[in-house]
Amino acid sequence: MASFPFRRLRPHSFAAVSIAAGLLLVSGCGKSGSTAPAGPQGLEVSVLTVQPESVTLSRDLSGRTSAHRLAEVRARISGIVQKRLFTEGGDVREGDVLFEIDPAPYQAALDSARASHARAVASLASAQAQAERYKGLVETHAISKQTYDDAVASQLALKADVAAAAAAVRTAEINLGYTRVTSPISGRIGRAEVTEGAYVQQGAATLLATVQQLDPLYVDLTQSADEVLRLKQDLASGRLTRDDRGAARVTVILGDGRTYPQPGSLQFSDVSVNTSTGTVTLRALVPNPDLDLLPGMFVRARLEEGVTPAALLLPQSVVSRNAKGDPTALVVGASDMVELRPLQVSRTVGNRWLVTAGLKAGDRVIVDNLQKIRPGMPVKPVPAATAGAISAAPAPAGR
């Protein structure tokens, strides 16, 4: 039977092997200790110190443009259209003649009314002279009192006939004037609804054309009744303030995303709520000197509701949602320990959340290493980078 090799080792060889093994073990332990990763103790995180700032709150509402003034030009007499005196799609001024209707029958009616008025005036003059003569005769009892009274009554009746004839003359003059159809307002006229030779009727009030005043222009908006009520409450409580003019500023955003250069102002809000939609109609007045806006265009309007003098804003990238969907943020609390702070946010202002509860001025909100830290861990806070870099960072996943 072969003998085991260790039997050939001398005693001092066992001592040398043991010493070498011990040195290797110590060397390995020291190397392992030098490469072990650092724990969460003192993990460096960037923090954003929350400070109040004055913020103008705005809300985007959808709406449509409408003419500031709109006049439907209609026939006020019956007759044949002889002339159209405007260019379709052109600008007209108040009082410009747009159409001419055949005036011949109305001129004849005016001549007849004037003749009737002249006859009534002549009859009145004769009756007045007769009444004056009878007045002297009745005083000498040459005629009866009844005869004199009849003469006075005839004079008064003829005076009424003169007034009626004068009114008929005025009516005929008005009707003759209606043969020249004029523009009631200044603005841009659309297409003609009738052509020369068309018969228009007074009873049907035939539509001839439409004139719209486009500078300035209205923008009709809708806002929920709840938002209108909240806005009034915020203004009354002082959380929101208006400018010195007291009018809300309106910025129009066109359909292609461009901002219209002319700012407008809110004119009024409707006094009733639409029962089917639960919204209130708002109307803004916007200058339109170059006529870039046309009635019926779909636009968005940014309505400046007011100013929050001490708003607390957080970049959206540092706010996450818990399992219930509530917003939260990680904050450096006492002794530089991480805290999970539930928040209440009301709206976004640009790329930041407006925080209404959960934070106060001076709180330090953690903006990086959000996936590596947990509530209760100690950290080493350092000032964060610029707010723009923080806002551009991606939002954290829900915690």
Protein backbone atom coordinates (compact mmCIF):
# COMPACT_ATOMS: atom_id res chain seq x y z
CA MET A 1 0.00 0.00 0.00
CA ALA A 2 1.41 3.41 -1.06
CA SER A 3 2.15 5.76 1.74
CA PHE A 4 0.38 9.23 1.93
CA PRO A 5 2.67 11.99 0.60
CA PHE A 6 2.33 14.15 3.76
CA ARG A 7 4.11 11.46 5.67
CA ARG A 8 7.28 12.50 3.86
CA LEU A 9 7.04 16.17 5.03
CA ARG A 10 9.21 17.29 7.81
CA PRO A 11 7.82 19.10 10.90
CA HIS A 12 9.36 22.45 9.96
CA SER A 13 7.61 22.23 6.53
CA PHE A 14 4.20 22.15 8.24
CA ALA A 15 5.07 25.37 10.05
CA ALA A 16 6.08 27.11 6.83
CA VAL A 17 2.84 26.10 5.08
CA SER A 18 0.75 27.38 7.97
CA ILE A 19 2.50 30.74 8.01
CA ALA A 20 2.04 31.17 4.21
CA ALA A 21 -1.65 30.33 4.43
CA GLY A 22 -2.12 32.86 7.20
CA LEU A 23 -0.43 35.59 5.19
CA LEU A 24 -2.63 34.86 2.17
CA LEU A 25 -5.77 35.01 4.31
CA VAL A 26 -4.78 38.36 5.84
CA SER A 27 -3.86 39.75 2.43
CA GLY A 28 -7.21 38.64 0.97
CA CYS A 29 -9.18 40.19 3.80
CA GLY A 30 -7.40 43.51 3.41
CA LYS A 31 -8.04 43.55 -0.34
CA SER A 32 -11.70 42.71 0.12
CA GLY A 33 -12.14 45.53 2.62
CA SER A 34 -10.64 48.09 0.23
CA THR A 35 -13.13 47.34 -2.62
CA ALA A 36 -16.34 46.96 -0.64
CA PRO A 37 -19.03 49.49 -1.85
CA ALA A 38 -20.02 52.36 0.44
CA GLY A 39 -23.39 52.05 2.13
CA PRO A 40 -26.21 54.63 2.03
CA GLN A 41 -24.62 56.49 4.93
CA GLY A 42 -23.91 60.05 3.71
CA LEU A 43 -25.10 59.57 0.09
CA GLU A 44 -24.75 62.91 -1.65
CA VAL A 45 -27.99 64.34 -3.10
CA SER A 46 -28.83 67.63 -4.75
CA VAL A 47 -31.58 69.64 -3.05
CA LEU A 48 -33.75 72.54 -4.19
CA THR A 49 -34.64 74.98 -1.43
CA VAL A 50 -38.27 76.01 -1.86
CA GLN A 51 -38.80 79.77 -1.94
CA PRO A 52 -42.09 81.65 -2.52
CA GLU A 53 -42.37 83.71 -5.68
CA SER A 54 -44.97 85.86 -7.41
CA VAL A 55 -46.65 83.96 -10.25
CA THR A 56 -49.27 85.03 -12.77
CA LEU A 57 -51.78 82.20 -13.11
CA SER A 58 -53.33 81.57 -16.49
CA ARG A 59 -55.69 79.07 -18.02
CA ASP A 60 -56.05 78.01 -21.66
CA LEU A 61 -59.61 77.96 -22.94
CA SER A 62 -60.89 77.06 -26.39
CA GLY A 63 -63.25 79.31 -28.29
CA ARG A 64 -64.20 80.90 -31.57
CA THR A 65 -63.89 84.37 -32.96
CA SER A 66 -66.92 86.48 -33.83
CA ALA A 67 -67.43 89.91 -35.33
CA HIS A 68 -67.51 92.87 -32.98
CA ARG A 69 -70.57 94.19 -34.82
CA LEU A 70 -72.65 92.41 -37.43
CA ALA A 71 -75.34 94.07 -39.55
CA GLU A 72 -77.66 92.24 -41.89
CA VAL A 73 -78.68 94.67 -44.63
CA ARG A 74 -82.33 93.97 -45.51
CA ALA A 75 -84.91 95.50 -47.81
CA ARG A 76 -87.21 98.00 -46.06
CA ILE A 77 -89.41 98.56 -49.11
CA SER A 78 -90.60 96.41 -52.00
CA GLY A 79 -89.24 96.92 -55.50
CA ILE A 80 -86.79 95.96 -58.21
CA VAL A 81 -83.04 96.19 -57.52
CA GLN A 82 -81.48 98.45 -60.14
CA LYS A 83 -77.84 98.73 -59.02
CA ARG A 84 -75.29 97.10 -56.76
CA LEU A 85 -72.70 99.68 -55.76
CA PHE A 86 -70.08 97.74 -53.78
CA THR A 87 -67.37 95.14 -54.32
CA GLU A 88 -68.00 91.84 -52.61
CA GLY A 89 -65.47 91.19 -49.84
CA GLY A 90 -64.43 94.85 -49.74
CA ASP A 91 -64.49 97.43 -46.98
CA VAL A 92 -67.41 99.83 -46.69
CA ARG A 93 -68.03 102.80 -44.43
CA GLU A 94 -71.16 103.70 -42.51
CA GLY A 95 -73.59 105.48 -44.85
CA ASP A 96 -72.14 104.13 -48.10
CA VAL A 97 -74.83 103.27 -50.67
CA LEU A 98 -74.88 99.53 -51.33
CA PHE A 99 -77.98 99.02 -53.51
CA GLU A 100 -80.44 101.17 -55.44
CA ILE A 101 -84.08 100.07 -55.71
CA ASP A 102 -86.35 101.50 -58.41
CA PRO A 103 -87.45 104.87 -56.92
CA ALA A 104 -90.12 105.81 -59.51
CA PRO A 105 -93.23 104.58 -57.63
CA TYR A 106 -92.02 106.10 -54.37
CA GLN A 107 -91.26 109.43 -56.03
CA ALA A 108 -94.82 109.44 -57.41
CA ALA A 109 -96.19 108.66 -53.93
CA LEU A 110 -94.21 111.56 -52.50
CA ASP A 111 -95.55 113.96 -55.15
CA SER A 112 -99.11 112.85 -54.39
CA ALA A 113 -98.59 113.33 -50.66
CA ARG A 114 -97.23 116.81 -51.18
CA ALA A 115 -100.24 117.73 -53.30
CA SER A 116 -102.64 116.47 -50.65
CA HIS A 117 -100.76 118.48 -48.04
CA ALA A 118 -101.04 121.65 -50.17
CA ARG A 119 -104.81 121.13 -50.59
CA ALA A 120 -105.23 120.64 -46.85
CA VAL A 121 -103.27 123.82 -46.13
CA ALA A 122 -105.47 125.81 -48.53
CA SER A 123 -108.68 124.47 -46.98
CA LEU A 124 -107.38 125.35 -43.51
CA ALA A 125 -106.66 128.93 -44.56
CA SER A 126 -110.22 129.34 -45.86
CA ALA A 127 -111.70 127.86 -42.68
CA GLN A 128 -109.59 130.14 -40.48
CA ALA A 129 -110.79 133.26 -42.36
CA GLN A 130 -114.40 132.16 -42.11
CA ALA A 131 -114.07 131.54 -38.38
CA GLU A 132 -112.61 135.01 -37.90
CA ARG A 133 -115.54 136.61 -39.74
CA TYR A 134 -118.10 134.62 -37.79
CA LYS A 135 -116.50 135.71 -34.54
CA GLY A 136 -117.42 139.37 -35.19
CA LEU A 137 -120.90 138.49 -36.38
CA VAL A 138 -121.78 136.38 -33.39
CA GLU A 139 -120.85 139.24 -31.07
CA THR A 140 -123.51 141.45 -32.79
CA HIS A 141 -125.97 138.56 -32.82
CA ALA A 142 -126.02 138.61 -36.64
CA ILE A 143 -125.54 134.83 -36.68
CA SER A 144 -126.31 132.16 -34.20
CA LYS A 145 -123.77 130.82 -31.74
CA GLN A 146 -124.19 127.39 -33.31
CA THR A 147 -123.09 128.62 -36.72
CA TYR A 148 -119.95 130.08 -35.20
CA ASP A 149 -119.18 126.89 -33.29
CA ASP A 150 -119.49 124.87 -36.50
CA ALA A 151 -117.01 127.16 -38.23
CA VAL A 152 -114.48 126.75 -35.40
CA ALA A 153 -114.87 122.95 -35.45
CA SER A 154 -114.33 122.88 -39.21
CA GLN A 155 -111.16 124.92 -38.73
CA LEU A 156 -109.80 122.45 -36.15
CA ALA A 157 -110.64 119.45 -38.37
CA LEU A 158 -108.83 120.99 -41.32
CA LYS A 159 -105.83 121.69 -39.08
CA ALA A 160 -105.74 117.97 -38.26
CA ASP A 161 -105.95 117.20 -41.98
CA VAL A 162 -102.91 119.38 -42.58
CA ALA A 163 -100.95 117.48 -39.89
CA ALA A 164 -101.97 114.13 -41.39
CA ALA A 165 -100.97 115.30 -44.86
CA ALA A 166 -97.59 116.44 -43.53
CA ALA A 167 -97.07 113.01 -41.92
CA ALA A 168 -97.94 111.36 -45.25
CA VAL A 169 -95.33 113.53 -46.96
CA ARG A 170 -92.75 112.50 -44.38
CA THR A 171 -93.63 108.82 -44.85
CA ALA A 172 -93.28 109.13 -48.59
CA GLU A 173 -89.90 110.83 -48.17
CA ILE A 174 -88.70 108.02 -45.90
CA ASN A 175 -89.82 105.34 -48.34
CA LEU A 176 -88.11 107.17 -51.18
CA GLY A 177 -84.94 107.28 -49.07
CA TYR A 178 -85.14 103.52 -48.54
CA THR A 179 -84.64 103.05 -52.28
CA ARG A 180 -80.98 103.87 -51.60
CA VAL A 181 -79.84 101.04 -49.30
CA THR A 182 -76.91 102.21 -47.15
CA SER A 183 -74.50 100.42 -44.82
CA PRO A 184 -75.47 100.82 -41.14
CA ILE A 185 -71.88 100.25 -39.90
CA SER A 186 -68.31 100.39 -41.14
CA GLY A 187 -66.67 97.07 -41.83
CA ARG A 188 -66.15 94.35 -44.41
CA ILE A 189 -69.06 93.31 -46.59
CA GLY A 190 -69.64 89.77 -47.76
CA ARG A 191 -71.22 88.49 -50.93
CA ALA A 192 -74.38 90.04 -52.34
CA GLU A 193 -77.49 87.96 -51.70
CA VAL A 194 -79.38 89.50 -54.65
CA THR A 195 -78.44 90.75 -58.09
CA GLU A 196 -79.74 93.54 -60.32
CA GLY A 197 -83.27 92.86 -61.44
CA ALA A 198 -84.23 90.90 -58.34
CA TYR A 199 -87.52 91.75 -56.66
CA VAL A 200 -87.16 92.42 -52.95
CA GLN A 201 -90.04 92.60 -50.50
CA GLN A 202 -90.59 94.73 -47.47
CA GLY A 203 -92.82 92.15 -45.79
CA ALA A 204 -90.23 89.37 -46.13
CA ALA A 205 -87.37 91.75 -45.23
CA THR A 206 -85.25 90.29 -48.03
CA LEU A 207 -81.58 89.89 -47.00
CA LEU A 208 -79.35 91.88 -49.35
CA ALA A 209 -75.87 91.56 -47.79
CA THR A 210 -74.03 91.30 -44.47
CA VAL A 211 -71.49 93.77 -43.07
CA GLN A 212 -69.14 92.77 -40.22
CA GLN A 213 -66.86 94.96 -38.15
CA LEU A 214 -63.63 93.00 -37.73
CA ASP A 215 -61.48 95.43 -35.74
CA PRO A 216 -61.66 94.78 -32.85
CA LEU A 217 -62.89 91.18 -32.76
CA TYR A 218 -64.63 89.11 -30.10
CA VAL A 219 -63.36 85.74 -28.87
CA ASP A 220 -66.15 83.71 -27.24
CA LEU A 221 -64.85 81.23 -24.65
CA THR A 222 -66.37 78.69 -22.28
CA GLN A 223 -65.22 77.91 -18.74
CA SER A 224 -66.72 75.53 -16.23
CA ALA A 225 -68.94 77.08 -13.59
CA ASP A 226 -66.84 75.45 -10.84
CA GLU A 227 -63.69 77.16 -12.11
CA VAL A 228 -65.47 80.53 -12.26
CA LEU A 229 -66.62 80.07 -8.65
CA ARG A 230 -63.12 79.04 -7.51
CA LEU A 231 -61.63 82.07 -9.24
CA LYS A 232 -64.03 84.42 -7.45
CA GLN A 233 -63.24 82.79 -4.09
CA ASP A 234 -59.48 83.09 -4.64
CA LEU A 235 -59.83 86.75 -5.55
CA ALA A 236 -62.03 87.44 -2.53
CA SER A 237 -59.64 85.66 -0.13
CA GLY A 238 -56.54 87.43 -1.46
CA ARG A 239 -54.84 84.30 -2.79
CA LEU A 240 -55.14 85.91 -6.21
CA THR A 241 -54.89 89.60 -7.05
CA ARG A 242 -55.72 91.53 -10.21
CA ASP A 243 -53.65 94.23 -11.87
CA ASP A 244 -54.31 97.95 -11.49
CA ARG A 245 -56.75 97.94 -14.39
CA GLY A 246 -58.79 95.17 -12.84
CA ALA A 247 -59.20 93.51 -16.24
CA ALA A 248 -57.97 90.04 -17.07
CA ARG A 249 -55.44 89.94 -19.89
CA VAL A 250 -56.10 87.50 -22.75
CA THR A 251 -53.50 86.09 -25.16
CA VAL A 252 -54.82 84.42 -28.32
CA ILE A 253 -53.08 81.26 -29.58
CA LEU A 254 -53.82 80.43 -33.20
CA GLY A 255 -54.65 77.00 -34.55
CA ASP A 256 -51.06 76.38 -35.71
CA GLY A 257 -49.68 77.14 -32.23
CA ARG A 258 -48.45 80.67 -32.97
CA THR A 259 -49.18 83.40 -30.44
CA TYR A 260 -51.23 86.29 -31.82
CA PRO A 261 -49.21 89.49 -31.24
CA GLN A 262 -52.12 91.68 -30.14
CA PRO A 263 -53.18 91.11 -26.49
CA GLY A 264 -56.85 91.34 -25.59
CA SER A 265 -58.88 91.84 -22.44
CA LEU A 266 -61.79 90.02 -20.87
CA GLN A 267 -65.02 91.99 -21.33
CA PHE A 268 -67.68 90.06 -19.43
CA SER A 269 -68.90 86.65 -18.35
CA ASP A 270 -72.42 85.44 -18.89
CA VAL A 271 -74.93 85.71 -16.06
CA SER A 272 -76.24 82.16 -16.42
CA VAL A 273 -74.83 78.63 -16.64
CA ASN A 274 -75.48 76.38 -19.61
CA THR A 275 -77.53 73.58 -18.04
CA SER A 276 -76.45 70.98 -20.61
CA THR A 277 -72.69 71.58 -20.32
CA GLY A 278 -72.28 73.27 -16.93
CA THR A 279 -70.17 76.04 -18.47
CA VAL A 280 -70.24 79.82 -18.48
CA THR A 281 -69.59 81.88 -21.61
CA LEU A 282 -66.77 84.43 -21.46
CA ARG A 283 -66.13 87.10 -24.07
CA ALA A 284 -62.78 88.74 -24.78
CA LEU A 285 -62.10 91.75 -27.00
CA VAL A 286 -58.99 91.48 -29.19
CA PRO A 287 -57.56 94.19 -31.51
CA ASN A 288 -57.42 93.11 -35.15
CA PRO A 289 -55.82 96.00 -37.08
CA ASP A 290 -54.40 93.83 -39.89
CA LEU A 291 -57.56 91.69 -40.12
CA ASP A 292 -55.52 88.51 -39.54
CA LEU A 293 -58.40 87.06 -37.52
CA LEU A 294 -61.68 86.25 -39.22
CA PRO A 295 -65.05 85.42 -37.65
CA GLY A 296 -65.57 81.71 -37.02
CA MET A 297 -61.89 80.79 -36.49
CA PHE A 298 -61.12 78.21 -33.79
CA VAL A 299 -58.51 79.57 -31.37
CA ARG A 300 -57.24 79.06 -27.83
CA ALA A 301 -57.12 81.94 -25.42
CA ARG A 302 -54.75 82.11 -22.46
CA LEU A 303 -56.69 83.90 -19.76
CA GLU A 304 -54.66 85.55 -17.01
CA GLU A 305 -56.78 84.91 -13.95
CA GLY A 306 -54.65 86.73 -11.39
CA VAL A 307 -51.39 86.85 -9.48
CA THR A 308 -50.35 84.60 -6.58
CA PRO A 309 -47.93 86.74 -4.58
CA ALA A 310 -46.32 83.84 -2.63
CA ALA A 311 -46.56 80.71 -4.74
CA LEU A 312 -44.54 77.53 -4.06
CA LEU A 313 -43.48 75.84 -7.30
CA LEU A 314 -41.77 72.48 -7.84
CA PRO A 315 -40.37 71.06 -11.10
CA GLN A 316 -42.56 68.26 -12.37
CA SER A 317 -39.51 65.97 -12.55
CA VAL A 318 -39.20 65.78 -8.75
CA VAL A 319 -42.87 65.01 -8.04
CA SER A 320 -44.05 61.41 -8.23
CA ARG A 321 -47.25 59.55 -7.39
CA ASN A 322 -47.86 56.93 -4.74
CA ALA A 323 -50.02 53.84 -5.12
CA LYS A 324 -53.16 55.93 -4.55
CA GLY A 325 -52.15 58.42 -7.21
CA ASP A 326 -51.42 61.21 -4.73
CA PRO A 327 -48.41 63.46 -5.45
CA THR A 328 -45.35 63.10 -3.22
CA ALA A 329 -41.80 64.41 -3.00
CA LEU A 330 -38.65 63.39 -1.10
CA VAL A 331 -37.47 66.08 1.34
CA VAL A 332 -34.36 66.38 3.50
CA GLY A 333 -35.70 66.73 7.02
CA ALA A 334 -34.17 67.02 10.48
CA SER A 335 -30.70 65.51 10.94
CA ASP A 336 -30.43 65.26 7.15
CA MET A 337 -32.79 62.29 7.04
CA VAL A 338 -34.97 61.60 3.97
CA GLU A 339 -38.71 62.20 4.40
CA LEU A 340 -41.54 61.26 2.02
CA ARG A 341 -43.78 64.30 1.95
CA PRO A 342 -47.38 64.07 0.61
CA LEU A 343 -48.34 67.12 -1.43
CA GLN A 344 -51.37 68.90 -2.75
CA VAL A 345 -51.02 70.48 -6.19
CA SER A 346 -53.61 72.56 -7.98
CA ARG A 347 -52.23 73.08 -11.50
CA THR A 348 -49.15 73.32 -13.65
CA VAL A 349 -47.39 76.61 -14.29
CA GLY A 350 -45.23 76.00 -17.33
CA ASN A 351 -43.25 72.84 -16.45
CA ARG A 352 -43.70 73.20 -12.68
CA TRP A 353 -46.39 72.19 -10.21
CA LEU A 354 -48.11 74.80 -8.07
CA VAL A 355 -48.02 73.29 -4.56
CA THR A 356 -50.87 74.34 -2.28
CA ALA A 357 -50.09 72.11 0.73
CA GLY A 358 -47.31 69.84 1.98
CA LEU A 359 -44.39 72.24 1.64
CA LYS A 360 -43.31 75.49 3.23
CA ALA A 361 -40.66 78.06 2.45
CA GLY A 362 -37.18 76.75 3.21
CA ASP A 363 -37.92 73.04 2.71
CA ARG A 364 -35.17 71.16 0.88
CA VAL A 365 -36.55 68.95 -1.89
CA ILE A 366 -34.31 66.21 -3.30
CA VAL A 367 -33.94 66.45 -7.07
CA ASP A 368 -31.55 63.57 -7.95
CA ASN A 369 -30.66 60.02 -6.88
CA LEU A 370 -34.39 59.51 -6.32
CA GLN A 371 -34.17 55.81 -7.20
CA LYS A 372 -31.34 55.15 -4.73
CA ILE A 373 -32.77 56.65 -1.55
CA ARG A 374 -35.66 55.72 0.69
CA PRO A 375 -37.43 57.52 3.53
CA GLY A 376 -35.39 57.39 6.76
CA MET A 377 -31.99 57.21 5.07
CA PRO A 378 -29.32 59.76 6.02
CA VAL A 379 -28.02 61.86 3.12
CA LYS A 380 -25.54 64.64 2.45
CA PRO A 381 -27.46 67.55 0.84
CA VAL A 382 -25.75 69.88 -1.63
CA PRO A 383 -27.32 72.78 -3.57
CA ALA A 384 -29.00 71.72 -6.80
CA ALA A 385 -28.13 72.85 -10.29
CA THR A 386 -30.09 75.49 -12.16
CA ALA A 387 -33.86 75.29 -12.14
CA GLY A 388 -33.87 74.85 -15.91
CA ALA A 389 -31.76 71.72 -15.70
CA ILE A 390 -33.99 70.33 -12.99
CA SER A 391 -37.16 71.04 -14.99
CA ALA A 392 -35.69 69.37 -18.06
CA ALA A 393 -34.89 66.17 -16.17
CA PRO A 394 -37.28 63.21 -16.67
CA ALA A 395 -39.95 62.72 -14.06
CA PRO A 396 -39.37 59.90 -11.55
CA ALA A 397 -41.38 56.72 -11.61
CA GLY A 398 -44.15 56.28 -9.05
CA ARG A 399 -42.88 55.39 -5.62
